[in-house]
PDB file of N, CA and C in Angstrom:
ATOM      1  N   UNK A   1    -243.251-137.339-216.294  1.00  0.00           N
ATOM      2  CA  UNK A   1    -244.082-136.571-215.407  1.00  0.00           C
ATOM      3  C   UNK A   1    -244.274-137.374-214.126  1.00  0.00           C
ATOM      4  N   UNK A   2    -244.354-136.678-213.013  1.00  0.00           N
ATOM      5  CA  UNK A   2    -244.607-137.318-211.731  1.00  0.00           C
ATOM      6  C   UNK A   2    -245.720-136.567-211.017  1.00  0.00           C
ATOM      7  N   UNK A   3    -246.493-137.304-210.227  1.00  0.00           N
ATOM      8  CA  UNK A   3    -247.430-136.659-209.324  1.00  0.00           C
ATOM      9  C   UNK A   3    -247.003-136.997-207.918  1.00  0.00           C
ATOM     10  N   UNK A   4    -247.385-136.164-206.969  1.00  0.00           N
ATOM     11  CA  UNK A   4    -246.949-136.407-205.608  1.00  0.00           C
ATOM     12  C   UNK A   4    -247.916-135.885-204.582  1.00  0.00           C
ATOM     13  N   UNK A   5    -247.712-136.342-203.373  1.00  0.00           N
ATOM     14  CA  UNK A   5    -248.495-135.896-202.232  1.00  0.00           C
ATOM     15  C   UNK A   5    -247.570-135.713-201.039  1.00  0.00           C
ATOM     16  N   UNK A   6    -248.081-135.016-200.034  1.00  0.00           N
ATOM     17  CA  UNK A   6    -247.345-134.764-198.802  1.00  0.00           C
ATOM     18  C   UNK A   6    -248.213-135.204-197.631  1.00  0.00           C
ATOM     19  N   UNK A   7    -247.599-135.872-196.669  1.00  0.00           N
ATOM     20  CA  UNK A   7    -248.287-136.256-195.432  1.00  0.00           C
ATOM     21  C   UNK A   7    -247.253-136.185-194.313  1.00  0.00           C
ATOM     22  N   UNK A   8    -247.665-136.484-193.102  1.00  0.00           N
ATOM     23  CA  UNK A   8    -246.740-136.403-191.975  1.00  0.00           C
ATOM     24  C   UNK A   8    -247.098-137.433-190.915  1.00  0.00           C
ATOM     25  N   UNK A   9    -246.147-137.665-190.022  1.00  0.00           N
ATOM     26  CA  UNK A   9    -246.369-138.528-188.873  1.00  0.00           C
ATOM     27  C   UNK A   9    -245.385-138.137-187.780  1.00  0.00           C
ATOM     28  N   UNK A  10    -245.686-138.561-186.568  1.00  0.00           N
ATOM     29  CA  UNK A  10    -244.812-138.315-185.423  1.00  0.00           C
ATOM     30  C   UNK A  10    -244.353-139.654-184.878  1.00  0.00           C
ATOM     31  N   UNK A  11    -243.075-139.737-184.529  1.00  0.00           N
ATOM     32  CA  UNK A  11    -242.557-141.001-184.008  1.00  0.00           C
ATOM     33  C   UNK A  11    -241.317-140.746-183.160  1.00  0.00           C
ATOM     34  N   UNK A  12    -241.033-141.718-182.313  1.00  0.00           N
ATOM     35  CA  UNK A  12    -239.835-141.695-181.485  1.00  0.00           C
ATOM     36  C   UNK A  12    -238.811-142.670-182.065  1.00  0.00           C
ATOM     37  N   UNK A  13    -237.542-142.372-181.839  1.00  0.00           N
ATOM     38  CA  UNK A  13    -236.469-143.267-182.264  1.00  0.00           C
ATOM     39  C   UNK A  13    -235.199-142.917-181.509  1.00  0.00           C
ATOM     40  N   UNK A  14    -234.201-143.734-181.687  1.00  0.00           N
ATOM     41  CA  UNK A  14    -232.855-143.429-181.211  1.00  0.00           C
ATOM     42  C   UNK A  14    -231.879-144.106-182.156  1.00  0.00           C
ATOM     43  N   UNK A  15    -230.652-143.637-182.145  1.00  0.00           N
ATOM     44  CA  UNK A  15    -229.607-144.212-182.983  1.00  0.00           C
ATOM     45  C   UNK A  15    -228.530-144.765-182.044  1.00  0.00           C
ATOM     46  N   UNK A  16    -228.442-146.088-181.929  1.00  0.00           N
ATOM     47  CA  UNK A  16    -227.481-146.689-180.997  1.00  0.00           C
ATOM     48  C   UNK A  16    -226.058-146.173-181.236  1.00  0.00           C
ATOM     49  N   UNK A  17    -225.401-145.780-180.157  1.00  0.00           N
ATOM     50  CA  UNK A  17    -224.015-145.349-180.233  1.00  0.00           C
ATOM     51  C   UNK A  17    -223.810-143.892-180.613  1.00  0.00           C
ATOM     52  N   UNK A  18    -224.859-143.194-181.018  1.00  0.00           N
ATOM     53  CA  UNK A  18    -224.726-141.777-181.374  1.00  0.00           C
ATOM     54  C   UNK A  18    -224.695-140.948-180.101  1.00  0.00           C
ATOM     55  N   UNK A  19    -223.771-139.991-180.025  1.00  0.00           N
ATOM     56  CA  UNK A  19    -223.591-139.229-178.784  1.00  0.00           C
ATOM     57  C   UNK A  19    -224.824-138.431-178.394  1.00  0.00           C
ATOM     58  N   UNK A  20    -225.536-137.870-179.339  1.00  0.00           N
ATOM     59  CA  UNK A  20    -226.720-137.067-179.030  1.00  0.00           C
ATOM     60  C   UNK A  20    -228.009-137.846-179.302  1.00  0.00           C
ATOM     61  N   UNK A  21    -228.073-138.486-180.439  1.00  0.00           N
ATOM     62  CA  UNK A  21    -229.305-139.168-180.859  1.00  0.00           C
ATOM     63  C   UNK A  21    -229.415-140.584-180.308  1.00  0.00           C
ATOM     64  N   UNK A  22    -228.494-140.970-179.436  1.00  0.00           N
ATOM     65  CA  UNK A  22    -228.554-142.287-178.823  1.00  0.00           C
ATOM     66  C   UNK A  22    -229.619-142.400-177.750  1.00  0.00           C
ATOM     67  N   UNK A  23    -230.169-141.259-177.346  1.00  0.00           N
ATOM     68  CA  UNK A  23    -231.275-141.256-176.377  1.00  0.00           C
ATOM     69  C   UNK A  23    -232.598-141.226-177.142  1.00  0.00           C
ATOM     70  N   UNK A  24    -233.601-141.885-176.592  1.00  0.00           N
ATOM     71  CA  UNK A  24    -234.925-141.880-177.206  1.00  0.00           C
ATOM     72  C   UNK A  24    -235.443-140.448-177.302  1.00  0.00           C
ATOM     73  N   UNK A  25    -235.860-140.068-178.491  1.00  0.00           N
ATOM     74  CA  UNK A  25    -236.407-138.731-178.740  1.00  0.00           C
ATOM     75  C   UNK A  25    -237.358-138.835-179.929  1.00  0.00           C
ATOM     76  N   UNK A  26    -238.041-137.761-180.249  1.00  0.00           N
ATOM     77  CA  UNK A  26    -239.023-137.831-181.322  1.00  0.00           C
ATOM     78  C   UNK A  26    -238.895-136.721-182.345  1.00  0.00           C
ATOM     79  N   UNK A  27    -239.575-136.951-183.467  1.00  0.00           N
ATOM     80  CA  UNK A  27    -239.633-135.972-184.559  1.00  0.00           C
ATOM     81  C   UNK A  27    -241.044-135.946-185.122  1.00  0.00           C
ATOM     82  N   UNK A  28    -241.366-134.819-185.719  1.00  0.00           N
ATOM     83  CA  UNK A  28    -242.556-134.703-186.550  1.00  0.00           C
ATOM     84  C   UNK A  28    -242.060-134.763-187.989  1.00  0.00           C
ATOM     85  N   UNK A  29    -242.186-135.930-188.595  1.00  0.00           N
ATOM     86  CA  UNK A  29    -241.669-136.169-189.937  1.00  0.00           C
ATOM     87  C   UNK A  29    -242.651-135.691-190.997  1.00  0.00           C
ATOM     88  N   UNK A  30    -242.121-135.098-192.057  1.00  0.00           N
ATOM     89  CA  UNK A  30    -242.922-134.766-193.227  1.00  0.00           C
ATOM     90  C   UNK A  30    -242.450-135.680-194.350  1.00  0.00           C
ATOM     91  N   UNK A  31    -243.405-136.245-195.091  1.00  0.00           N
ATOM     92  CA  UNK A  31    -243.087-137.205-196.137  1.00  0.00           C
ATOM     93  C   UNK A  31    -243.683-136.741-197.463  1.00  0.00           C
ATOM     94  N   UNK A  32    -242.850-136.751-198.491  1.00  0.00           N
ATOM     95  CA  UNK A  32    -243.298-136.467-199.854  1.00  0.00           C
ATOM     96  C   UNK A  32    -243.110-137.733-200.668  1.00  0.00           C
ATOM     97  N   UNK A  33    -244.165-138.143-201.360  1.00  0.00           N
ATOM     98  CA  UNK A  33    -244.110-139.323-202.216  1.00  0.00           C
ATOM     99  C   UNK A  33    -244.460-138.884-203.629  1.00  0.00           C
ATOM    100  N   UNK A  34    -243.632-139.318-204.601  1.00  0.00           N
ATOM    101  CA  UNK A  34    -243.874-139.002-206.012  1.00  0.00           C
ATOM    102  C   UNK A  34    -243.847-140.293-206.820  1.00  0.00           C
ATOM    103  N   UNK A  35    -244.758-140.390-207.785  1.00  0.00           N
ATOM    104  CA  UNK A  35    -244.757-141.552-208.668  1.00  0.00           C
ATOM    105  C   UNK A  35    -244.791-141.088-210.116  1.00  0.00           C
ATOM    106  N   UNK A  36    -244.136-141.839-211.002  1.00  0.00           N
ATOM    107  CA  UNK A  36    -244.154-141.483-212.425  1.00  0.00           C
ATOM    108  C   UNK A  36    -245.519-141.809-213.029  1.00  0.00           C
ATOM    109  N   UNK A  37    -245.958-140.948-213.922  1.00  0.00           N
ATOM    110  CA  UNK A  37    -247.233-141.175-214.614  1.00  0.00           C
ATOM    111  C   UNK A  37    -247.068-140.835-216.088  1.00  0.00           C
ATOM    112  N   UNK A  38    -247.924-141.400-216.892  1.00  0.00           N
ATOM    113  CA  UNK A  38    -247.973-141.051-218.315  1.00  0.00           C
ATOM    114  C   UNK A  38    -249.127-140.098-218.517  1.00  0.00           C
ATOM    115  N   UNK A  39    -248.831-138.994-219.141  1.00  0.00           N
ATOM    116  CA  UNK A  39    -249.855-137.979-219.365  1.00  0.00           C
ATOM    117  C   UNK A  39    -250.797-138.417-220.479  1.00  0.00           C
ATOM    118  N   UNK A  40    -252.070-138.249-220.207  1.00  0.00           N
ATOM    119  CA  UNK A  40    -253.126-138.462-221.197  1.00  0.00           C
ATOM    120  C   UNK A  40    -254.046-137.254-221.121  1.00  0.00           C
ATOM    121  N   UNK A  41    -254.204-136.538-222.207  1.00  0.00           N
ATOM    122  CA  UNK A  41    -255.007-135.312-222.219  1.00  0.00           C
ATOM    123  C   UNK A  41    -256.401-135.566-221.647  1.00  0.00           C
ATOM    124  N   UNK A  42    -256.782-134.713-220.719  1.00  0.00           N
ATOM    125  CA  UNK A  42    -258.122-134.717-220.130  1.00  0.00           C
ATOM    126  C   UNK A  42    -258.463-135.978-219.354  1.00  0.00           C
ATOM    127  N   UNK A  43    -257.465-136.729-218.901  1.00  0.00           N
ATOM    128  CA  UNK A  43    -257.724-137.933-218.110  1.00  0.00           C
ATOM    129  C   UNK A  43    -256.849-137.924-216.866  1.00  0.00           C
ATOM    130  N   UNK A  44    -257.384-138.469-215.787  1.00  0.00           N
ATOM    131  CA  UNK A  44    -256.616-138.601-214.555  1.00  0.00           C
ATOM    132  C   UNK A  44    -255.608-139.730-214.752  1.00  0.00           C
ATOM    133  N   UNK A  45    -254.359-139.448-214.441  1.00  0.00           N
ATOM    134  CA  UNK A  45    -253.332-140.482-214.582  1.00  0.00           C
ATOM    135  C   UNK A  45    -253.346-141.423-213.390  1.00  0.00           C
ATOM    136  N   UNK A  46    -253.372-140.853-212.203  1.00  0.00           N
ATOM    137  CA  UNK A  46    -253.516-141.605-210.958  1.00  0.00           C
ATOM    138  C   UNK A  46    -254.378-140.752-210.046  1.00  0.00           C
ATOM    139  N   UNK A  47    -255.358-141.351-209.432  1.00  0.00           N
ATOM    140  CA  UNK A  47    -256.246-140.621-208.533  1.00  0.00           C
ATOM    141  C   UNK A  47    -255.471-140.223-207.279  1.00  0.00           C
ATOM    142  N   UNK A  48    -255.425-138.929-206.973  1.00  0.00           N
ATOM    143  CA  UNK A  48    -254.732-138.461-205.769  1.00  0.00           C
ATOM    144  C   UNK A  48    -255.283-139.143-204.522  1.00  0.00           C
ATOM    145  N   UNK A  49    -256.580-139.386-204.495  1.00  0.00           N
ATOM    146  CA  UNK A  49    -257.203-140.029-203.331  1.00  0.00           C
ATOM    147  C   UNK A  49    -256.587-141.407-203.083  1.00  0.00           C
ATOM    148  N   UNK A  50    -256.370-142.162-204.135  1.00  0.00           N
ATOM    149  CA  UNK A  50    -255.766-143.493-204.004  1.00  0.00           C
ATOM    150  C   UNK A  50    -254.352-143.384-203.448  1.00  0.00           C
ATOM    151  N   UNK A  51    -253.573-142.470-203.990  1.00  0.00           N
ATOM    152  CA  UNK A  51    -252.204-142.270-203.519  1.00  0.00           C
ATOM    153  C   UNK A  51    -252.193-141.851-202.053  1.00  0.00           C
ATOM    154  N   UNK A  52    -253.071-140.914-201.688  1.00  0.00           N
ATOM    155  CA  UNK A  52    -253.151-140.452-200.300  1.00  0.00           C
ATOM    156  C   UNK A  52    -253.548-141.580-199.351  1.00  0.00           C
ATOM    157  N   UNK A  53    -254.513-142.386-199.761  1.00  0.00           N
ATOM    158  CA  UNK A  53    -254.982-143.481-198.916  1.00  0.00           C
ATOM    159  C   UNK A  53    -253.845-144.475-198.639  1.00  0.00           C
ATOM    160  N   UNK A  54    -253.109-144.825-199.681  1.00  0.00           N
ATOM    161  CA  UNK A  54    -252.008-145.769-199.502  1.00  0.00           C
ATOM    162  C   UNK A  54    -250.915-145.195-198.602  1.00  0.00           C
ATOM    163  N   UNK A  55    -250.549-143.931-198.817  1.00  0.00           N
ATOM    164  CA  UNK A  55    -249.514-143.335-197.970  1.00  0.00           C
ATOM    165  C   UNK A  55    -249.999-143.241-196.527  1.00  0.00           C
ATOM    166  N   UNK A  56    -251.230-142.856-196.335  1.00  0.00           N
ATOM    167  CA  UNK A  56    -251.780-142.775-194.981  1.00  0.00           C
ATOM    168  C   UNK A  56    -251.685-144.133-194.288  1.00  0.00           C
ATOM    169  N   UNK A  57    -252.026-145.193-194.991  1.00  0.00           N
ATOM    170  CA  UNK A  57    -251.970-146.538-194.408  1.00  0.00           C
ATOM    171  C   UNK A  57    -250.540-146.934-194.035  1.00  0.00           C
ATOM    172  N   UNK A  58    -249.578-146.573-194.875  1.00  0.00           N
ATOM    173  CA  UNK A  58    -248.173-146.858-194.563  1.00  0.00           C
ATOM    174  C   UNK A  58    -247.731-146.061-193.338  1.00  0.00           C
ATOM    175  N   UNK A  59    -248.063-144.786-193.300  1.00  0.00           N
ATOM    176  CA  UNK A  59    -247.622-143.946-192.186  1.00  0.00           C
ATOM    177  C   UNK A  59    -248.305-144.317-190.877  1.00  0.00           C
ATOM    178  N   UNK A  60    -249.491-144.891-190.937  1.00  0.00           N
ATOM    179  CA  UNK A  60    -250.176-145.363-189.728  1.00  0.00           C
ATOM    180  C   UNK A  60    -249.343-146.413-188.998  1.00  0.00           C
ATOM    181  N   UNK A  61    -248.542-147.176-189.739  1.00  0.00           N
ATOM    182  CA  UNK A  61    -247.699-148.203-189.109  1.00  0.00           C
ATOM    183  C   UNK A  61    -246.546-147.585-188.328  1.00  0.00           C
ATOM    184  N   UNK A  62    -246.267-146.297-188.582  1.00  0.00           N
ATOM    185  CA  UNK A  62    -245.158-145.601-187.937  1.00  0.00           C
ATOM    186  C   UNK A  62    -245.606-144.565-186.910  1.00  0.00           C
ATOM    187  N   UNK A  63    -246.789-144.024-187.089  1.00  0.00           N
ATOM    188  CA  UNK A  63    -247.251-142.869-186.318  1.00  0.00           C
ATOM    189  C   UNK A  63    -247.387-143.171-184.825  1.00  0.00           C
ATOM    190  N   UNK A  64    -246.805-142.281-184.025  1.00  0.00           N
ATOM    191  CA  UNK A  64    -246.847-142.354-182.564  1.00  0.00           C
ATOM    192  C   UNK A  64    -246.339-143.686-182.029  1.00  0.00           C
ATOM    193  N   UNK A  65    -245.229-144.130-182.613  1.00  0.00           N
ATOM    194  CA  UNK A  65    -244.592-145.374-182.179  1.00  0.00           C
ATOM    195  C   UNK A  65    -243.098-145.139-181.970  1.00  0.00           C
ATOM    196  N   UNK A  66    -242.487-146.052-181.255  1.00  0.00           N
ATOM    197  CA  UNK A  66    -241.030-146.109-181.169  1.00  0.00           C
ATOM    198  C   UNK A  66    -240.598-146.935-182.378  1.00  0.00           C
ATOM    199  N   UNK A  67    -240.188-146.266-183.452  1.00  0.00           N
ATOM    200  CA  UNK A  67    -239.918-146.965-184.706  1.00  0.00           C
ATOM    201  C   UNK A  67    -238.635-147.784-184.677  1.00  0.00           C
ATOM    202  N   UNK A  68    -237.828-147.601-183.641  1.00  0.00           N
ATOM    203  CA  UNK A  68    -236.653-148.471-183.525  1.00  0.00           C
ATOM    204  C   UNK A  68    -237.088-149.912-183.282  1.00  0.00           C
ATOM    205  N   UNK A  69    -238.264-150.105-182.712  1.00  0.00           N
ATOM    206  CA  UNK A  69    -238.791-151.463-182.497  1.00  0.00           C
ATOM    207  C   UNK A  69    -239.167-152.121-183.822  1.00  0.00           C
ATOM    208  N   UNK A  70    -239.280-151.311-184.874  1.00  0.00           N
ATOM    209  CA  UNK A  70    -239.542-151.819-186.224  1.00  0.00           C
ATOM    210  C   UNK A  70    -238.247-151.955-187.023  1.00  0.00           C
ATOM    211  N   UNK A  71    -237.110-151.664-186.377  1.00  0.00           N
ATOM    212  CA  UNK A  71    -235.820-151.726-187.059  1.00  0.00           C
ATOM    213  C   UNK A  71    -235.500-150.472-187.859  1.00  0.00           C
ATOM    214  N   UNK A  72    -236.214-149.390-187.586  1.00  0.00           N
ATOM    215  CA  UNK A  72    -236.002-148.120-188.291  1.00  0.00           C
ATOM    216  C   UNK A  72    -235.316-147.148-187.344  1.00  0.00           C
ATOM    217  N   UNK A  73    -234.059-146.835-187.645  1.00  0.00           N
ATOM    218  CA  UNK A  73    -233.271-145.984-186.762  1.00  0.00           C
ATOM    219  C   UNK A  73    -233.028-144.594-187.343  1.00  0.00           C
ATOM    220  N   UNK A  74    -232.877-144.506-188.637  1.00  0.00           N
ATOM    221  CA  UNK A  74    -232.493-143.244-189.267  1.00  0.00           C
ATOM    222  C   UNK A  74    -233.550-142.807-190.280  1.00  0.00           C
ATOM    223  N   UNK A  75    -233.438-141.566-190.730  1.00  0.00           N
ATOM    224  CA  UNK A  75    -234.333-141.066-191.776  1.00  0.00           C
ATOM    225  C   UNK A  75    -234.155-141.881-193.057  1.00  0.00           C
ATOM    226  N   UNK A  76    -232.935-142.352-193.287  1.00  0.00           N
ATOM    227  CA  UNK A  76    -232.690-143.201-194.455  1.00  0.00           C
ATOM    228  C   UNK A  76    -233.484-144.505-194.357  1.00  0.00           C
ATOM    229  N   UNK A  77    -233.483-145.108-193.169  1.00  0.00           N
ATOM    230  CA  UNK A  77    -234.262-146.331-192.950  1.00  0.00           C
ATOM    231  C   UNK A  77    -235.740-146.088-193.213  1.00  0.00           C
ATOM    232  N   UNK A  78    -236.243-144.973-192.715  1.00  0.00           N
ATOM    233  CA  UNK A  78    -237.659-144.642-192.876  1.00  0.00           C
ATOM    234  C   UNK A  78    -237.994-144.448-194.347  1.00  0.00           C
ATOM    235  N   UNK A  79    -237.162-143.710-195.068  1.00  0.00           N
ATOM    236  CA  UNK A  79    -237.411-143.456-196.488  1.00  0.00           C
ATOM    237  C   UNK A  79    -237.435-144.755-197.286  1.00  0.00           C
ATOM    238  N   UNK A  80    -236.497-145.649-197.012  1.00  0.00           N
ATOM    239  CA  UNK A  80    -236.465-146.936-197.722  1.00  0.00           C
ATOM    240  C   UNK A  80    -237.686-147.792-197.383  1.00  0.00           C
ATOM    241  N   UNK A  81    -238.103-147.761-196.129  1.00  0.00           N
ATOM    242  CA  UNK A  81    -239.303-148.500-195.715  1.00  0.00           C
ATOM    243  C   UNK A  81    -240.541-147.983-196.467  1.00  0.00           C
ATOM    244  N   UNK A  82    -240.707-146.659-196.483  1.00  0.00           N
ATOM    245  CA  UNK A  82    -241.864-146.066-197.161  1.00  0.00           C
ATOM    246  C   UNK A  82    -241.809-146.361-198.658  1.00  0.00           C
ATOM    247  N   UNK A  83    -240.626-146.252-199.263  1.00  0.00           N
ATOM    248  CA  UNK A  83    -240.474-146.545-200.694  1.00  0.00           C
ATOM    249  C   UNK A  83    -240.904-147.979-201.000  1.00  0.00           C
ATOM    250  N   UNK A  84    -240.448-148.914-200.185  1.00  0.00           N
ATOM    251  CA  UNK A  84    -240.784-150.320-200.391  1.00  0.00           C
ATOM    252  C   UNK A  84    -242.291-150.559-200.241  1.00  0.00           C
ATOM    253  N   UNK A  85    -242.864-150.048-199.163  1.00  0.00           N
ATOM    254  CA  UNK A  85    -244.285-150.276-198.890  1.00  0.00           C
ATOM    255  C   UNK A  85    -245.174-149.597-199.934  1.00  0.00           C
ATOM    256  N   UNK A  86    -244.828-148.384-200.323  1.00  0.00           N
ATOM    257  CA  UNK A  86    -245.632-147.675-201.337  1.00  0.00           C
ATOM    258  C   UNK A  86    -245.476-148.323-202.708  1.00  0.00           C
ATOM    259  N   UNK A  87    -244.285-148.796-203.016  1.00  0.00           N
ATOM    260  CA  UNK A  87    -244.054-149.475-204.295  1.00  0.00           C
ATOM    261  C   UNK A  87    -244.931-150.704-204.430  1.00  0.00           C
ATOM    262  N   UNK A  88    -245.066-151.465-203.336  1.00  0.00           N
ATOM    263  CA  UNK A  88    -245.935-152.648-203.350  1.00  0.00           C
ATOM    264  C   UNK A  88    -247.392-152.241-203.573  1.00  0.00           C
ATOM    265  N   UNK A  89    -247.829-151.215-202.880  1.00  0.00           N
ATOM    266  CA  UNK A  89    -249.228-150.806-202.952  1.00  0.00           C
ATOM    267  C   UNK A  89    -249.597-150.179-204.296  1.00  0.00           C
ATOM    268  N   UNK A  90    -248.679-149.393-204.850  1.00  0.00           N
ATOM    269  CA  UNK A  90    -248.971-148.678-206.103  1.00  0.00           C
ATOM    270  C   UNK A  90    -248.490-149.456-207.327  1.00  0.00           C
ATOM    271  N   UNK A  91    -247.753-150.519-207.102  1.00  0.00           N
ATOM    272  CA  UNK A  91    -247.230-151.350-208.189  1.00  0.00           C
ATOM    273  C   UNK A  91    -246.418-150.525-209.198  1.00  0.00           C
ATOM    274  N   UNK A  92    -245.585-149.653-208.664  1.00  0.00           N
ATOM    275  CA  UNK A  92    -244.717-148.818-209.492  1.00  0.00           C
ATOM    276  C   UNK A  92    -243.552-148.322-208.645  1.00  0.00           C
ATOM    277  N   UNK A  93    -242.555-147.759-209.303  1.00  0.00           N
ATOM    278  CA  UNK A  93    -241.439-147.157-208.589  1.00  0.00           C
ATOM    279  C   UNK A  93    -241.920-145.884-207.901  1.00  0.00           C
ATOM    280  N   UNK A  94    -241.373-145.602-206.734  1.00  0.00           N
ATOM    281  CA  UNK A  94    -241.815-144.473-205.928  1.00  0.00           C
ATOM    282  C   UNK A  94    -240.597-143.683-205.475  1.00  0.00           C
ATOM    283  N   UNK A  95    -240.658-142.365-205.591  1.00  0.00           N
ATOM    284  CA  UNK A  95    -239.647-141.480-205.020  1.00  0.00           C
ATOM    285  C   UNK A  95    -240.151-141.016-203.661  1.00  0.00           C
ATOM    286  N   UNK A  96    -239.270-140.991-202.674  1.00  0.00           N
ATOM    287  CA  UNK A  96    -239.675-140.613-201.324  1.00  0.00           C
ATOM    288  C   UNK A  96    -238.694-139.588-200.768  1.00  0.00           C
ATOM    289  N   UNK A  97    -239.232-138.556-200.145  1.00  0.00           N
ATOM    290  CA  UNK A  97    -238.439-137.581-199.398  1.00  0.00           C
ATOM    291  C   UNK A  97    -238.984-137.577-197.977  1.00  0.00           C
ATOM    292  N   UNK A  98    -238.096-137.744-197.002  1.00  0.00           N
ATOM    293  CA  UNK A  98    -238.485-137.709-195.598  1.00  0.00           C
ATOM    294  C   UNK A  98    -237.747-136.553-194.933  1.00  0.00           C
ATOM    295  N   UNK A  99    -238.515-135.595-194.409  1.00  0.00           N
ATOM    296  CA  UNK A  99    -237.957-134.500-193.632  1.00  0.00           C
ATOM    297  C   UNK A  99    -237.994-134.881-192.162  1.00  0.00           C
ATOM    298  N   UNK A 100    -236.814-134.945-191.540  1.00  0.00           N
ATOM    299  CA  UNK A 100    -236.740-135.216-190.110  1.00  0.00           C
ATOM    300  C   UNK A 100    -236.955-133.927-189.321  1.00  0.00           C
ATOM    301  N   UNK A 101    -236.484-132.826-189.890  1.00  0.00           N
ATOM    302  CA  UNK A 101    -236.722-131.480-189.358  1.00  0.00           C
ATOM    303  C   UNK A 101    -237.057-130.598-190.553  1.00  0.00           C
ATOM    304  N   UNK A 102    -237.309-129.333-190.301  1.00  0.00           N
ATOM    305  CA  UNK A 102    -237.605-128.418-191.406  1.00  0.00           C
ATOM    306  C   UNK A 102    -236.443-128.275-192.379  1.00  0.00           C
ATOM    307  N   UNK A 103    -235.221-128.546-191.911  1.00  0.00           N
ATOM    308  CA  UNK A 103    -234.053-128.330-192.765  1.00  0.00           C
ATOM    309  C   UNK A 103    -233.232-129.584-193.049  1.00  0.00           C
ATOM    310  N   UNK A 104    -233.616-130.732-192.507  1.00  0.00           N
ATOM    311  CA  UNK A 104    -232.870-131.978-192.727  1.00  0.00           C
ATOM    312  C   UNK A 104    -233.766-133.015-193.383  1.00  0.00           C
ATOM    313  N   UNK A 105    -233.314-133.536-194.526  1.00  0.00           N
ATOM    314  CA  UNK A 105    -234.131-134.523-195.213  1.00  0.00           C
ATOM    315  C   UNK A 105    -233.267-135.541-195.928  1.00  0.00           C
ATOM    316  N   UNK A 106    -233.905-136.651-196.305  1.00  0.00           N
ATOM    317  CA  UNK A 106    -233.275-137.674-197.134  1.00  0.00           C
ATOM    318  C   UNK A 106    -234.222-137.941-198.290  1.00  0.00           C
ATOM    319  N   UNK A 107    -233.629-138.193-199.465  1.00  0.00           N
ATOM    320  CA  UNK A 107    -234.427-138.481-200.655  1.00  0.00           C
ATOM    321  C   UNK A 107    -233.968-139.809-201.251  1.00  0.00           C
ATOM    322  N   UNK A 108    -234.936-140.666-201.575  1.00  0.00           N
ATOM    323  CA  UNK A 108    -234.665-141.935-202.216  1.00  0.00           C
ATOM    324  C   UNK A 108    -235.472-141.962-203.501  1.00  0.00           C
ATOM    325  N   UNK A 109    -234.768-142.104-204.627  1.00  0.00           N
ATOM    326  CA  UNK A 109    -235.495-142.200-205.905  1.00  0.00           C
ATOM    327  C   UNK A 109    -235.068-143.405-206.675  1.00  0.00           C
TER     328      UNK A 109
END
């Protein structure tokens, strides 16, 4: 079983050498984070508030910034960064989906 939350952030980036995305531009990213839990009848497995707080703190490091200055160029880079940071905070494996647009996404599990 997994539980998950959704949050979002806005950031600018560019991809060096890409014909279109090589210019600085921005996206409104949507992020889905899921973590495995063990079900226990009538008990909270992980408090959603805790998960939301940690994801919010991670996304604050990216929000309204030029994320290429953080070494993040692609949606894949962003997903791996969020997975790493959330894994440290939650002390568990984390699945991450990053939507760069409504129809383009990357998933890391």
